[in-house]
N, C-alpha and C. Protein backbone atom coordinates (compact mmCIF):
# COMPACT_ATOMS: atom_id res chain seq x y z
N GLY A 1 -32.72 15.59 3.69
CA GLY A 1 -34.07 15.15 3.09
C GLY A 1 -34.06 15.15 1.66
N ARG A 2 -34.25 16.27 0.92
CA ARG A 2 -34.46 16.17 -0.55
C ARG A 2 -33.03 15.89 -1.29
N ILE A 3 -31.99 16.28 -0.73
CA ILE A 3 -30.77 16.06 -1.25
C ILE A 3 -30.36 14.52 -1.09
N ALA A 4 -30.70 13.89 0.05
CA ALA A 4 -30.54 12.50 0.16
C ALA A 4 -31.30 11.68 -0.70
N GLN A 5 -32.56 12.04 -0.95
CA GLN A 5 -33.43 11.26 -1.78
C GLN A 5 -33.00 11.41 -3.21
N LEU A 6 -32.44 12.48 -3.62
CA LEU A 6 -31.80 12.59 -5.08
C LEU A 6 -30.69 11.86 -5.17
N ILE A 7 -29.76 11.72 -4.16
CA ILE A 7 -28.64 10.94 -4.26
C ILE A 7 -28.89 9.39 -4.29
N ALA A 8 -30.06 9.05 -3.41
CA ALA A 8 -30.48 7.56 -3.27
C ALA A 8 -31.06 7.22 -4.61
N GLY A 9 -31.66 8.17 -5.42
CA GLY A 9 -32.30 7.80 -6.54
C GLY A 9 -33.80 7.77 -6.37
N GLU A 10 -34.34 8.24 -5.29
CA GLU A 10 -35.63 8.44 -4.92
C GLU A 10 -36.26 9.76 -5.36
N ASP A 11 -37.33 9.70 -6.06
CA ASP A 11 -37.85 10.96 -6.59
C ASP A 11 -39.29 11.07 -5.98
N GLY A 12 -39.44 11.30 -4.64
CA GLY A 12 -40.65 11.52 -3.97
C GLY A 12 -41.73 10.35 -4.26
N GLY A 13 -41.49 9.21 -4.40
CA GLY A 13 -42.27 8.11 -4.53
C GLY A 13 -42.52 7.67 -5.91
N LYS A 14 -42.00 8.55 -6.96
CA LYS A 14 -42.22 8.24 -8.27
C LYS A 14 -41.11 7.14 -8.72
N THR A 15 -40.96 7.17 -10.09
CA THR A 15 -40.16 6.18 -10.53
C THR A 15 -38.59 6.42 -9.99
N LYS A 16 -38.04 5.35 -9.63
CA LYS A 16 -36.61 5.34 -9.04
C LYS A 16 -35.66 5.48 -10.20
N LYS A 17 -34.73 6.62 -10.26
CA LYS A 17 -33.78 6.75 -11.24
C LYS A 17 -32.38 6.94 -10.35
N LYS A 18 -31.36 6.57 -11.16
CA LYS A 18 -30.05 6.67 -10.37
C LYS A 18 -29.64 8.10 -10.69
N CYS A 19 -28.89 8.55 -9.64
CA CYS A 19 -28.33 9.95 -9.71
C CYS A 19 -27.07 9.73 -10.76
N GLY A 20 -27.04 10.80 -11.69
CA GLY A 20 -25.92 10.70 -12.61
C GLY A 20 -24.78 11.40 -12.00
N CYS A 21 -24.75 11.81 -10.80
CA CYS A 21 -23.72 12.64 -10.30
C CYS A 21 -22.66 11.61 -9.61
N LEU A 22 -22.90 10.42 -9.24
CA LEU A 22 -22.18 9.55 -8.72
C LEU A 22 -21.41 8.70 -9.88
N PRO A 23 -20.05 8.57 -9.74
CA PRO A 23 -19.19 7.75 -10.64
C PRO A 23 -19.67 6.33 -10.62
N ASP A 24 -19.44 5.65 -11.78
CA ASP A 24 -19.75 4.22 -12.02
C ASP A 24 -18.51 3.57 -11.63
N THR A 25 -18.55 2.81 -10.50
CA THR A 25 -17.42 2.13 -10.00
C THR A 25 -17.28 0.62 -10.38
N SER A 26 -18.17 0.19 -11.43
CA SER A 26 -18.21 -1.16 -11.69
C SER A 26 -17.36 -1.35 -12.86
N ALA A 27 -16.65 -0.31 -13.34
CA ALA A 27 -15.86 -0.62 -14.55
C ALA A 27 -14.41 -1.37 -14.21
N ASN A 28 -13.89 -1.76 -15.28
CA ASN A 28 -12.53 -2.55 -14.99
C ASN A 28 -11.53 -1.60 -14.73
N ALA A 29 -10.39 -1.97 -14.33
CA ALA A 29 -9.27 -0.99 -14.15
C ALA A 29 -8.58 -0.62 -15.59
N THR A 30 -8.35 0.67 -15.59
CA THR A 30 -7.58 1.00 -16.94
C THR A 30 -6.19 0.37 -17.07
N PRO A 31 -5.74 0.47 -18.13
CA PRO A 31 -4.27 -0.24 -18.55
C PRO A 31 -3.33 0.49 -17.58
N LEU A 32 -3.40 1.79 -17.22
CA LEU A 32 -2.43 2.29 -16.37
C LEU A 32 -2.49 1.87 -15.05
N GLN A 33 -3.74 1.74 -14.47
CA GLN A 33 -3.90 1.23 -13.23
C GLN A 33 -3.48 -0.36 -13.17
N GLN A 34 -3.80 -1.06 -14.10
CA GLN A 34 -3.12 -2.59 -14.13
C GLN A 34 -1.67 -2.43 -14.16
N ASN A 35 -1.17 -1.59 -14.91
CA ASN A 35 0.43 -1.57 -15.04
C ASN A 35 0.97 -1.16 -13.57
N LEU A 36 0.36 -0.18 -12.89
CA LEU A 36 0.92 0.31 -11.62
C LEU A 36 0.62 -0.70 -10.63
N GLU A 37 -0.46 -1.68 -10.76
CA GLU A 37 -0.68 -2.69 -9.69
C GLU A 37 0.50 -3.72 -9.90
N LYS A 38 1.05 -4.05 -11.15
CA LYS A 38 2.04 -4.98 -11.43
C LYS A 38 3.35 -4.34 -10.92
N LEU A 39 3.61 -3.03 -11.22
CA LEU A 39 4.93 -2.40 -10.71
C LEU A 39 5.07 -2.31 -9.25
N GLY A 40 3.80 -2.05 -8.57
CA GLY A 40 3.81 -2.03 -7.13
C GLY A 40 4.10 -3.38 -6.55
N GLY A 41 3.56 -4.40 -7.12
CA GLY A 41 3.84 -5.80 -6.54
C GLY A 41 5.36 -6.22 -6.70
N ARG A 42 5.84 -5.90 -7.90
CA ARG A 42 7.23 -6.14 -8.30
C ARG A 42 8.08 -5.27 -7.38
N ILE A 43 7.79 -4.14 -6.98
CA ILE A 43 8.59 -3.36 -5.96
C ILE A 43 8.49 -3.84 -4.67
N GLY A 44 7.39 -4.27 -4.25
CA GLY A 44 7.08 -4.79 -2.93
C GLY A 44 7.84 -6.18 -2.87
N VAL A 45 7.92 -7.12 -3.72
CA VAL A 45 8.72 -8.34 -3.60
C VAL A 45 10.12 -8.12 -3.60
N LEU A 46 10.69 -7.07 -4.46
CA LEU A 46 12.01 -6.81 -4.55
C LEU A 46 12.47 -6.18 -3.13
N ALA A 47 11.59 -5.42 -2.49
CA ALA A 47 11.75 -4.71 -1.26
C ALA A 47 12.00 -5.76 -0.14
N ILE A 48 11.12 -6.84 -0.14
CA ILE A 48 11.10 -7.81 0.84
C ILE A 48 12.58 -8.64 0.78
N VAL A 49 12.78 -9.06 -0.66
CA VAL A 49 14.00 -9.84 -0.76
C VAL A 49 15.21 -9.01 -0.26
N VAL A 50 15.26 -7.69 -0.69
CA VAL A 50 16.35 -6.84 -0.14
C VAL A 50 16.39 -6.89 1.43
N CYS A 51 15.27 -6.74 2.12
CA CYS A 51 15.17 -6.62 3.58
C CYS A 51 15.74 -8.10 4.13
N ILE A 52 15.41 -9.14 3.44
CA ILE A 52 15.82 -10.49 3.85
C ILE A 52 17.39 -10.63 3.78
N VAL A 53 17.93 -10.11 2.62
CA VAL A 53 19.30 -10.19 2.50
C VAL A 53 20.09 -9.26 3.47
N ILE A 54 19.48 -8.04 3.87
CA ILE A 54 20.08 -7.30 4.75
C ILE A 54 20.27 -7.94 6.19
N PHE A 55 18.99 -8.44 6.41
CA PHE A 55 19.01 -9.36 7.79
C PHE A 55 19.92 -10.29 7.80
N ILE A 56 20.10 -11.17 6.83
CA ILE A 56 21.14 -12.20 7.00
C ILE A 56 22.64 -11.78 6.95
N ILE A 57 22.80 -10.66 6.32
CA ILE A 57 24.10 -10.07 6.20
C ILE A 57 24.37 -9.45 7.48
N GLY A 58 23.47 -8.76 8.07
CA GLY A 58 23.43 -7.99 9.38
C GLY A 58 23.80 -9.19 10.74
N VAL A 59 23.11 -10.23 10.63
CA VAL A 59 23.27 -11.23 11.60
C VAL A 59 24.61 -11.90 11.38
N ALA A 60 25.05 -12.13 10.13
CA ALA A 60 26.27 -12.77 10.01
C ALA A 60 27.52 -11.94 10.42
N LEU A 61 27.43 -10.59 10.29
CA LEU A 61 28.46 -9.74 10.69
C LEU A 61 28.27 -9.20 12.10
N ASP A 62 27.17 -9.80 12.77
CA ASP A 62 27.06 -9.59 14.41
C ASP A 62 26.75 -8.11 14.54
N ARG A 63 25.88 -7.44 13.69
CA ARG A 63 25.63 -5.98 13.98
C ARG A 63 24.64 -5.87 15.12
N THR A 64 25.23 -5.14 16.07
CA THR A 64 24.27 -4.88 17.30
C THR A 64 23.89 -3.48 17.27
N ASP A 65 22.86 -3.22 18.22
CA ASP A 65 22.33 -1.86 18.35
C ASP A 65 23.43 -0.88 18.97
N PRO A 66 23.80 0.16 18.40
CA PRO A 66 24.73 1.04 18.96
C PRO A 66 24.24 1.57 20.20
N ALA A 67 23.08 1.87 20.38
CA ALA A 67 22.58 2.36 21.72
C ALA A 67 22.41 1.34 22.73
N ASN A 68 22.27 0.05 22.39
CA ASN A 68 22.18 -1.10 23.34
C ASN A 68 23.07 -2.25 22.93
N PRO A 69 24.36 -2.11 23.17
CA PRO A 69 25.42 -3.18 22.67
C PRO A 69 25.02 -4.62 23.20
N GLY A 70 24.46 -4.58 24.32
CA GLY A 70 24.25 -5.99 24.88
C GLY A 70 23.08 -6.76 24.25
N SER A 71 22.26 -6.05 23.36
CA SER A 71 21.03 -6.79 22.84
C SER A 71 21.60 -7.77 21.65
N PRO A 72 20.83 -8.89 21.30
CA PRO A 72 21.33 -9.67 20.25
C PRO A 72 21.20 -9.12 18.76
N ALA A 73 22.16 -9.46 17.97
CA ALA A 73 22.14 -9.05 16.76
C ALA A 73 20.99 -9.32 15.88
N TRP A 74 20.44 -10.38 16.07
CA TRP A 74 19.13 -10.75 15.29
C TRP A 74 18.04 -9.86 15.61
N LEU A 75 17.86 -9.46 16.85
CA LEU A 75 16.67 -8.56 17.20
C LEU A 75 16.94 -7.17 16.67
N TYR A 76 18.14 -6.75 16.51
CA TYR A 76 18.42 -5.39 16.04
C TYR A 76 18.29 -5.51 14.50
N MET A 77 18.50 -6.56 14.01
CA MET A 77 18.38 -6.64 12.37
C MET A 77 16.89 -6.85 12.05
N ILE A 78 16.19 -7.51 12.85
CA ILE A 78 14.75 -7.64 12.53
C ILE A 78 14.16 -6.21 12.52
N LEU A 79 14.38 -5.29 13.58
CA LEU A 79 13.99 -3.94 13.66
C LEU A 79 14.36 -3.34 12.36
N ILE A 80 15.65 -3.46 12.00
CA ILE A 80 16.12 -2.72 10.64
C ILE A 80 15.29 -3.29 9.59
N SER A 81 15.13 -4.40 9.30
CA SER A 81 14.56 -5.09 8.28
C SER A 81 13.06 -4.60 8.20
N VAL A 82 12.48 -4.67 9.20
CA VAL A 82 10.91 -4.42 9.19
C VAL A 82 10.79 -2.83 8.86
N THR A 83 11.71 -2.00 9.38
CA THR A 83 11.62 -0.66 9.16
C THR A 83 11.98 -0.26 7.52
N LEU A 84 12.92 -1.09 7.04
CA LEU A 84 13.15 -0.82 5.60
C LEU A 84 11.99 -1.30 4.68
N ALA A 85 11.36 -2.55 5.20
CA ALA A 85 10.24 -3.11 4.46
C ALA A 85 9.09 -2.10 4.49
N VAL A 86 8.79 -1.37 5.59
CA VAL A 86 7.63 -0.46 5.56
C VAL A 86 7.90 0.90 4.77
N ALA A 87 9.16 1.10 4.81
CA ALA A 87 9.54 2.42 3.99
C ALA A 87 9.39 2.03 2.58
N ALA A 88 9.81 0.91 2.09
CA ALA A 88 9.82 0.50 0.76
C ALA A 88 8.50 0.20 0.06
N ILE A 89 7.58 -0.18 0.90
CA ILE A 89 6.20 -0.64 0.36
C ILE A 89 5.64 0.56 -0.49
N PRO A 90 5.38 0.36 -1.78
CA PRO A 90 4.95 1.53 -2.60
C PRO A 90 3.50 1.86 -2.52
N GLU A 91 3.18 2.70 -1.64
CA GLU A 91 1.77 3.12 -1.61
C GLU A 91 1.46 4.41 -2.46
N GLY A 92 2.53 5.16 -2.66
CA GLY A 92 2.32 6.47 -3.33
C GLY A 92 2.71 6.45 -4.71
N ILE A 93 2.75 5.33 -5.27
CA ILE A 93 3.05 5.24 -6.80
C ILE A 93 2.09 5.92 -7.70
N PRO A 94 0.75 5.60 -7.54
CA PRO A 94 -0.45 6.32 -8.32
C PRO A 94 -0.25 7.82 -8.15
N LEU A 95 0.03 8.44 -6.95
CA LEU A 95 0.29 9.76 -6.62
C LEU A 95 1.33 10.41 -7.54
N CYS A 96 2.40 9.60 -7.82
CA CYS A 96 3.61 9.96 -8.40
C CYS A 96 3.43 10.10 -9.77
N VAL A 97 2.64 9.21 -10.34
CA VAL A 97 2.38 9.04 -11.86
C VAL A 97 1.31 10.05 -12.33
N THR A 98 0.18 10.42 -11.55
CA THR A 98 -0.81 11.36 -11.96
C THR A 98 -0.45 12.63 -11.84
């Protein structure tokens, strides 16, 4: 009721005011956020390049799944490469910095 009206900026039919308790999200990113975005992008690209190199080397060396030696090497190396890419994508960089 009353709390929702205050948050929405409604004051019982009177003039509408914005609630000062909500943060302003229209501001541009800070320099730290911009640098973290660049760093995250660079790490992501580097991780993908490393995964491609590992895939190529693994297929060239005919690395097969130790648990299933009859499976093709390319399938095992795709699984390894995707696993490494998912692990290397930097989602927690802002948490580490702050």
